[in-house]
Amino acid sequence: MKTDFTHHQSAHCENGVASNLLKHNGLNISEPMVFGIGSGLFFVYLPFIKVNHAPAFSYRPLPGIIFSRLAKRLGIKIKRQKFSGSQAAEKALEDNLKKNIPSGLQVGVYNLTYFPDDYRFHFNAHNLVVYGKEENNYLISDPVMETVTTLTAEELDRVRFAKGAFAPKGQIYYPVYIPKEIDFKKAITKAIKATCRDMLAPMPIIGVAGMRYVSKQIRKWPAKHGVRKANHYLAQIVRMQEEIGTGGGGFRFIYAAFLQEASVIMESEALKTLSFEMTEIGDMWRDFALEASRVYKKRSAQQDVYNLLADRLLEIAGREEEFFKKLRKAV
């Protein structure tokens, strides 16, 4: 069983899976457009959820929400299923493959055998496409990989039923209806307004306010937890920003690309200008991550490094607040 499926590499898994599945079904939509219309840009600090023994940070909404928002705004219908056991999950996938339906799966990263060891964390919000099966090997299009790959039936089952936070429970999803005519202008406007609302929300752990709250926590961590744990927490911020699929600086660059595309569709010079500004903010996030990594790797020559990092994060928060206020006015 093998579907004629074209693999396109992307910067992020859920965006890439959504884009690839929709392209396969006749809708040519880029990864940035998926991300932007899906209101994928976000920031949240979740101190009550621990990932690898440190608080959770996310630069994106919960798994599946980007594709779901995209579908709703474009009038696309997606079928999603979760399962209590392996047998039913495998049967649903096999049935789709027999019908030549490539299927998106949510999986855990830790047991993905084709991932380098350094990237195999306990993180259950990764996405990939299964587009065929040859003997005991499933054919895998993982959009963050350069080429297609394979997993045995046993390996695929293990990652589909990974345990822990955001356990995928064998989740499978795929589009079942795409309208012939789509109002992209309306979808883009609604999506941008929602992103601005999220990022400017008056809640202490979300958006710009969340960044400022984390800045305060960074100043407290060394005295409260000791340097070793403080460094572990800094490593968590960087890991969630740069290595695990929650985006961070990279998501700012994708959103800038979305605004660039949207400026053409919307015929808006303001959106084009703001796309360049978002790229600058992405660079600030990358610089922050670089300095934080030097601290927890004990390679920083800076004095008072925790307050320095806190100040950098406050500066980013200020830039993003200004940016999203201007973006809100632009639409």
Protein backbone atom coordinates (compact mmCIF):
# COMPACT_ATOMS: atom_id res chain seq x y z
CA MET A 1 0.00 0.00 0.00
CA LYS A 2 1.52 3.28 -1.10
CA THR A 3 -0.14 6.61 -1.86
CA ASP A 4 1.34 9.02 -4.39
CA PHE A 5 2.20 11.56 -1.69
CA THR A 6 4.65 14.45 -2.12
CA HIS A 7 6.88 15.18 0.87
CA HIS A 8 7.67 18.85 1.56
CA GLN A 9 10.09 19.73 4.35
CA SER A 10 8.90 22.42 6.77
CA ALA A 11 10.12 24.31 9.82
CA HIS A 12 7.47 22.92 12.16
CA CYS A 13 5.63 19.63 12.31
CA GLU A 14 1.96 20.57 12.70
CA ASN A 15 2.15 23.36 10.12
CA GLY A 16 3.99 21.05 7.75
CA VAL A 17 1.57 18.16 8.17
CA ALA A 18 -1.42 20.47 7.60
CA SER A 19 0.18 22.06 4.54
CA ASN A 20 1.22 18.71 3.06
CA LEU A 21 -2.16 17.06 3.63
CA LEU A 22 -4.01 20.01 2.12
CA LYS A 23 -1.66 20.16 -0.87
CA HIS A 24 -2.25 16.47 -1.44
CA ASN A 25 -5.99 17.19 -1.46
CA GLY A 26 -5.71 20.03 -3.96
CA LEU A 27 -5.33 23.17 -1.82
CA ASN A 28 -1.92 24.75 -2.41
CA ILE A 29 -1.26 26.48 0.91
CA SER A 30 2.14 27.30 2.39
CA GLU A 31 3.38 26.50 5.87
CA PRO A 32 3.40 30.21 6.90
CA MET A 33 -0.19 30.64 5.70
CA VAL A 34 -1.26 27.56 7.69
CA PHE A 35 0.47 28.93 10.77
CA GLY A 36 -0.89 32.46 10.43
CA ILE A 37 -4.50 31.55 9.66
CA GLY A 38 -4.31 28.96 12.44
CA SER A 39 -3.21 31.71 14.89
CA GLY A 40 -0.20 29.66 15.84
CA LEU A 41 1.84 32.45 17.40
CA PHE A 42 1.53 32.38 21.18
CA PHE A 43 3.35 32.41 24.51
CA VAL A 44 2.32 30.71 27.73
CA TYR A 45 4.12 29.85 30.99
CA LEU A 46 2.75 26.81 32.80
CA PRO A 47 4.57 26.43 36.14
CA PHE A 48 2.04 23.83 37.30
CA ILE A 49 2.96 21.46 34.42
CA LYS A 50 6.38 19.85 34.56
CA VAL A 51 8.21 18.65 31.45
CA ASN A 52 11.58 17.02 32.09
CA HIS A 53 11.41 18.21 35.73
CA ALA A 54 11.01 21.88 34.81
CA PRO A 55 8.06 24.24 34.23
CA ALA A 56 6.45 24.13 30.79
CA PHE A 57 6.87 27.01 28.37
CA SER A 58 5.09 27.07 25.05
CA TYR A 59 5.29 29.44 22.12
CA ARG A 60 2.24 27.91 20.42
CA PRO A 61 -1.29 26.79 21.38
CA LEU A 62 -2.14 23.20 22.32
CA PRO A 63 -1.46 20.41 19.79
CA GLY A 64 -4.05 20.25 17.04
CA ILE A 65 -5.42 23.75 17.56
CA ILE A 66 -3.51 25.35 14.65
CA PHE A 67 -4.96 22.92 12.11
CA SER A 68 -8.42 23.07 13.71
CA ARG A 69 -8.51 26.88 13.61
CA LEU A 70 -7.24 26.89 10.05
CA ALA A 71 -9.93 24.43 9.01
CA LYS A 72 -12.72 26.37 10.69
CA ARG A 73 -11.66 29.68 9.12
CA LEU A 74 -11.32 28.19 5.64
CA GLY A 75 -14.44 26.02 5.80
CA ILE A 76 -12.44 22.77 5.71
CA LYS A 77 -13.69 19.68 7.53
CA ILE A 78 -11.21 17.43 9.33
CA LYS A 79 -11.89 14.02 10.79
CA ARG A 80 -10.07 13.28 14.07
CA GLN A 81 -10.06 10.08 16.08
CA LYS A 82 -8.44 8.93 19.31
CA PHE A 83 -8.31 5.35 20.54
CA SER A 84 -8.16 3.43 23.79
CA GLY A 85 -6.05 0.65 22.32
CA SER A 86 -3.56 -0.23 19.61
CA GLN A 87 -5.72 -2.64 17.63
CA ALA A 88 -8.44 -0.12 16.76
CA ALA A 89 -5.86 2.60 16.06
CA GLU A 90 -3.91 0.38 13.67
CA LYS A 91 -7.10 -0.72 11.88
CA ALA A 92 -8.22 2.89 11.31
CA LEU A 93 -4.82 3.73 9.82
CA GLU A 94 -4.77 0.58 7.65
CA ASP A 95 -8.29 1.33 6.37
CA ASN A 96 -7.20 4.82 5.33
CA LEU A 97 -4.12 3.53 3.55
CA LYS A 98 -6.24 1.02 1.62
CA LYS A 99 -8.36 3.98 0.47
CA ASN A 100 -5.21 5.98 -0.48
CA ILE A 101 -5.80 8.51 2.31
CA PRO A 102 -2.54 9.86 3.80
CA SER A 103 -3.13 10.39 7.51
CA GLY A 104 -1.73 12.80 10.05
CA LEU A 105 -0.72 11.34 13.41
CA GLN A 106 0.17 12.93 16.73
CA VAL A 107 3.06 11.04 18.31
CA GLY A 108 5.63 11.10 21.07
CA VAL A 109 9.17 12.12 20.14
CA TYR A 110 11.17 10.04 22.59
CA ASN A 111 10.90 6.74 20.70
CA LEU A 112 11.15 8.10 17.15
CA THR A 113 14.06 5.96 15.98
CA TYR A 114 14.97 8.22 13.04
CA PHE A 115 15.46 11.27 15.29
CA PRO A 116 19.00 12.04 16.54
CA ASP A 117 19.43 11.09 20.20
CA ASP A 118 19.80 14.74 21.29
CA TYR A 119 16.29 15.51 19.98
CA ARG A 120 14.51 12.57 21.57
CA PHE A 121 12.78 14.15 24.57
CA HIS A 122 9.60 13.12 26.37
CA PHE A 123 7.41 15.36 24.22
CA ASN A 124 4.11 14.07 22.90
CA ALA A 125 3.00 16.83 20.53
CA HIS A 126 4.90 15.88 17.40
CA ASN A 127 3.08 15.35 14.09
CA LEU A 128 3.82 13.29 11.00
CA VAL A 129 2.06 11.75 8.00
CA VAL A 130 1.75 8.04 7.22
CA TYR A 131 1.22 7.59 3.49
CA GLY A 132 1.79 3.87 2.94
CA LYS A 133 2.99 0.51 4.20
CA GLU A 134 5.44 -2.01 2.78
CA GLU A 135 5.48 -5.34 4.60
CA ASN A 136 5.94 -4.41 8.29
CA ASN A 137 7.20 -0.87 7.62
CA TYR A 138 4.99 2.21 7.58
CA LEU A 139 6.07 4.94 5.15
CA ILE A 140 6.53 8.18 7.04
CA SER A 141 6.57 11.78 5.84
CA ASP A 142 7.83 13.74 8.82
CA PRO A 143 7.86 17.37 7.64
CA VAL A 144 10.83 18.38 9.78
CA MET A 145 12.98 15.75 8.07
CA GLU A 146 14.64 16.33 4.70
CA THR A 147 13.42 13.05 3.20
CA VAL A 148 10.77 10.42 3.87
CA THR A 149 11.53 7.59 6.28
CA THR A 150 9.95 4.49 7.82
CA LEU A 151 8.86 3.04 11.15
CA THR A 152 8.04 -0.57 11.90
CA ALA A 153 4.51 -1.36 13.07
CA GLU A 154 5.85 -1.83 16.61
CA GLU A 155 7.79 1.47 16.55
CA LEU A 156 4.79 3.39 15.23
CA ASP A 157 2.50 1.90 17.86
CA ARG A 158 4.96 2.90 20.60
CA VAL A 159 5.02 6.56 19.57
CA ARG A 160 1.25 6.69 18.91
CA PHE A 161 0.58 5.56 22.48
CA ALA A 162 3.35 7.41 24.29
CA LYS A 163 2.51 8.19 27.91
CA GLY A 164 2.69 11.47 29.80
CA ALA A 165 1.53 15.04 29.21
CA PHE A 166 -0.46 15.50 25.98
CA ALA A 167 -0.53 11.73 25.42
CA PRO A 168 -1.55 11.28 21.75
CA LYS A 169 -3.82 8.25 22.37
CA GLY A 170 -3.30 7.03 18.83
CA GLN A 171 -4.72 10.22 17.34
CA ILE A 172 -5.29 10.21 13.59
CA TYR A 173 -6.60 13.10 11.48
CA TYR A 174 -7.12 14.00 7.83
CA PRO A 175 -9.22 16.40 5.71
CA VAL A 176 -12.53 15.09 4.40
CA TYR A 177 -13.88 18.25 2.72
CA ILE A 178 -12.27 21.33 1.16
CA PRO A 179 -14.55 24.01 -0.35
CA LYS A 180 -13.95 25.03 -3.95
CA GLU A 181 -13.97 28.74 -3.09
CA ILE A 182 -12.20 30.14 -0.01
CA ASP A 183 -12.29 33.72 1.26
CA PHE A 184 -8.67 34.14 2.33
CA LYS A 185 -9.07 37.84 3.13
CA LYS A 186 -11.78 37.13 5.69
CA ALA A 187 -9.80 34.24 7.20
CA ILE A 188 -6.59 36.29 7.46
CA THR A 189 -8.36 39.22 9.13
CA LYS A 190 -10.06 36.98 11.69
CA ALA A 191 -6.82 35.09 12.39
CA ILE A 192 -4.73 38.22 12.92
CA LYS A 193 -7.30 39.70 15.30
CA ALA A 194 -7.32 36.46 17.33
CA THR A 195 -3.51 36.38 17.55
CA CYS A 196 -3.42 39.99 18.74
CA ARG A 197 -6.09 39.22 21.32
CA ASP A 198 -4.10 36.24 22.63
CA MET A 199 -0.78 38.04 22.79
CA LEU A 200 -2.24 41.13 24.48
CA ALA A 201 -4.47 39.18 26.89
CA PRO A 202 -4.56 40.64 30.44
CA MET A 203 -3.58 37.32 32.03
CA PRO A 204 -0.29 36.88 33.92
CA ILE A 205 0.89 33.68 32.22
CA ILE A 206 -0.20 34.36 28.63
CA GLY A 207 1.26 36.46 25.82
CA VAL A 208 3.20 39.62 26.58
CA ALA A 209 2.11 39.55 30.23
CA GLY A 210 3.41 35.99 30.47
CA MET A 211 6.82 37.04 29.17
CA ARG A 212 7.01 39.76 31.82
CA TYR A 213 6.02 37.26 34.51
CA VAL A 214 8.74 34.83 33.41
CA SER A 215 11.23 37.71 33.49
CA LYS A 216 10.42 38.21 37.18
CA GLN A 217 10.80 34.47 37.83
CA ILE A 218 14.23 34.34 36.16
CA ARG A 219 15.48 36.95 38.65
CA LYS A 220 14.26 34.81 41.56
CA TRP A 221 15.33 31.34 40.40
CA PRO A 222 19.00 31.33 41.60
CA ALA A 223 18.13 32.36 45.17
CA LYS A 224 14.93 30.32 45.31
CA HIS A 225 16.10 27.08 43.69
CA GLY A 226 19.91 27.29 43.55
CA VAL A 227 22.06 27.83 40.47
CA ARG A 228 21.87 24.24 39.25
CA LYS A 229 18.06 24.16 39.10
CA ALA A 230 17.93 27.74 37.79
CA ASN A 231 20.17 26.69 34.93
CA HIS A 232 17.98 23.65 34.29
CA TYR A 233 14.96 25.96 34.04
CA LEU A 234 16.84 28.23 31.60
CA ALA A 235 17.69 25.17 29.53
CA GLN A 236 13.99 24.32 29.49
CA ILE A 237 13.13 27.76 28.08
CA VAL A 238 15.69 27.34 25.30
CA ARG A 239 14.72 23.72 24.59
CA MET A 240 11.04 24.62 24.26
CA GLN A 241 11.98 27.63 22.11
CA GLU A 242 14.58 26.18 19.78
CA GLU A 243 14.62 22.39 19.90
CA ILE A 244 11.10 21.11 20.62
CA GLY A 245 8.13 21.90 18.39
CA THR A 246 6.83 24.89 20.31
CA GLY A 247 8.51 27.41 18.06
CA GLY A 248 9.84 30.46 19.86
CA GLY A 249 12.11 32.55 17.68
CA GLY A 250 11.51 30.31 14.68
CA PHE A 251 7.77 30.85 14.94
CA ARG A 252 8.35 34.61 14.79
CA PHE A 253 10.10 34.12 11.44
CA ILE A 254 7.25 31.95 10.15
CA TYR A 255 4.74 34.57 11.26
CA ALA A 256 6.77 37.24 9.46
CA ALA A 257 6.56 35.13 6.30
CA PHE A 258 2.80 34.82 6.82
CA LEU A 259 2.45 38.60 7.07
CA GLN A 260 4.50 38.94 3.89
CA GLU A 261 2.11 36.61 2.03
CA ALA A 262 -0.93 38.21 3.67
CA SER A 263 0.20 41.70 2.61
CA VAL A 264 -0.16 40.64 -1.03
CA ILE A 265 -3.60 39.07 -0.55
CA MET A 266 -4.83 41.98 1.56
CA GLU A 267 -3.05 44.60 -0.58
CA SER A 268 -1.64 46.09 2.63
CA GLU A 269 1.68 47.89 2.82
CA ALA A 270 1.29 48.02 6.61
CA LEU A 271 1.37 44.21 6.88
CA LYS A 272 4.49 44.11 4.70
CA THR A 273 6.24 46.61 6.97
CA LEU A 274 5.18 44.70 10.08
CA SER A 275 6.57 41.48 8.62
CA PHE A 276 10.06 43.03 8.72
CA GLU A 277 9.50 44.13 12.31
CA MET A 278 8.48 40.61 13.34
CA THR A 279 11.69 39.28 11.79
CA GLU A 280 13.65 41.65 14.04
CA ILE A 281 11.73 40.35 17.06
CA GLY A 282 12.59 36.80 16.01
CA ASP A 283 16.26 37.79 15.99
CA MET A 284 15.85 39.11 19.55
CA TRP A 285 14.45 35.76 20.68
CA ARG A 286 17.38 33.94 19.06
CA ASP A 287 19.87 36.24 20.80
CA PHE A 288 18.10 35.63 24.12
CA ALA A 289 18.31 31.86 23.61
CA LEU A 290 22.00 32.08 22.72
CA GLU A 291 22.86 34.04 25.87
CA ALA A 292 20.73 31.74 28.05
CA SER A 293 22.48 28.67 26.61
CA ARG A 294 25.86 30.18 27.48
CA VAL A 295 24.69 30.57 31.08
CA TYR A 296 23.50 27.01 31.62
CA LYS A 297 26.53 25.64 29.77
CA LYS A 298 28.72 27.80 32.05
CA ARG A 299 30.30 29.63 29.12
CA SER A 300 29.03 33.13 29.86
CA ALA A 301 31.49 35.86 30.83
CA GLN A 302 28.67 38.28 31.67
CA GLN A 303 28.14 39.49 35.23
CA ASP A 304 24.75 39.22 36.94
CA VAL A 305 23.56 36.99 34.09
CA TYR A 306 20.07 36.19 35.44
CA ASN A 307 19.12 39.85 35.72
CA LEU A 308 20.62 40.44 32.28
CA LEU A 309 18.45 37.69 30.77
CA ALA A 310 15.41 39.00 32.61
CA ASP A 311 16.07 42.45 31.15
CA ARG A 312 16.39 40.96 27.64
CA LEU A 313 13.06 39.20 28.01
CA LEU A 314 11.42 42.41 29.25
CA GLU A 315 12.73 44.18 26.16
CA ILE A 316 11.25 41.48 23.91
CA ALA A 317 7.92 41.76 25.72
CA GLY A 318 7.89 45.51 25.14
CA ARG A 319 8.63 45.09 21.44
CA GLU A 320 5.92 42.46 21.04
CA GLU A 321 3.34 44.56 22.87
CA GLU A 322 4.06 47.48 20.57
CA PHE A 323 4.02 45.19 17.53
CA PHE A 324 0.67 43.55 18.24
CA LYS A 325 -1.00 46.86 18.97
CA LYS A 326 0.14 48.11 15.55
CA LEU A 327 -0.90 44.83 13.91
CA ARG A 328 -4.36 45.06 15.45
CA LYS A 329 -4.81 48.52 13.97
CA ALA A 330 -3.56 47.33 10.55
CA VAL A 331 -6.54 45.01 10.11
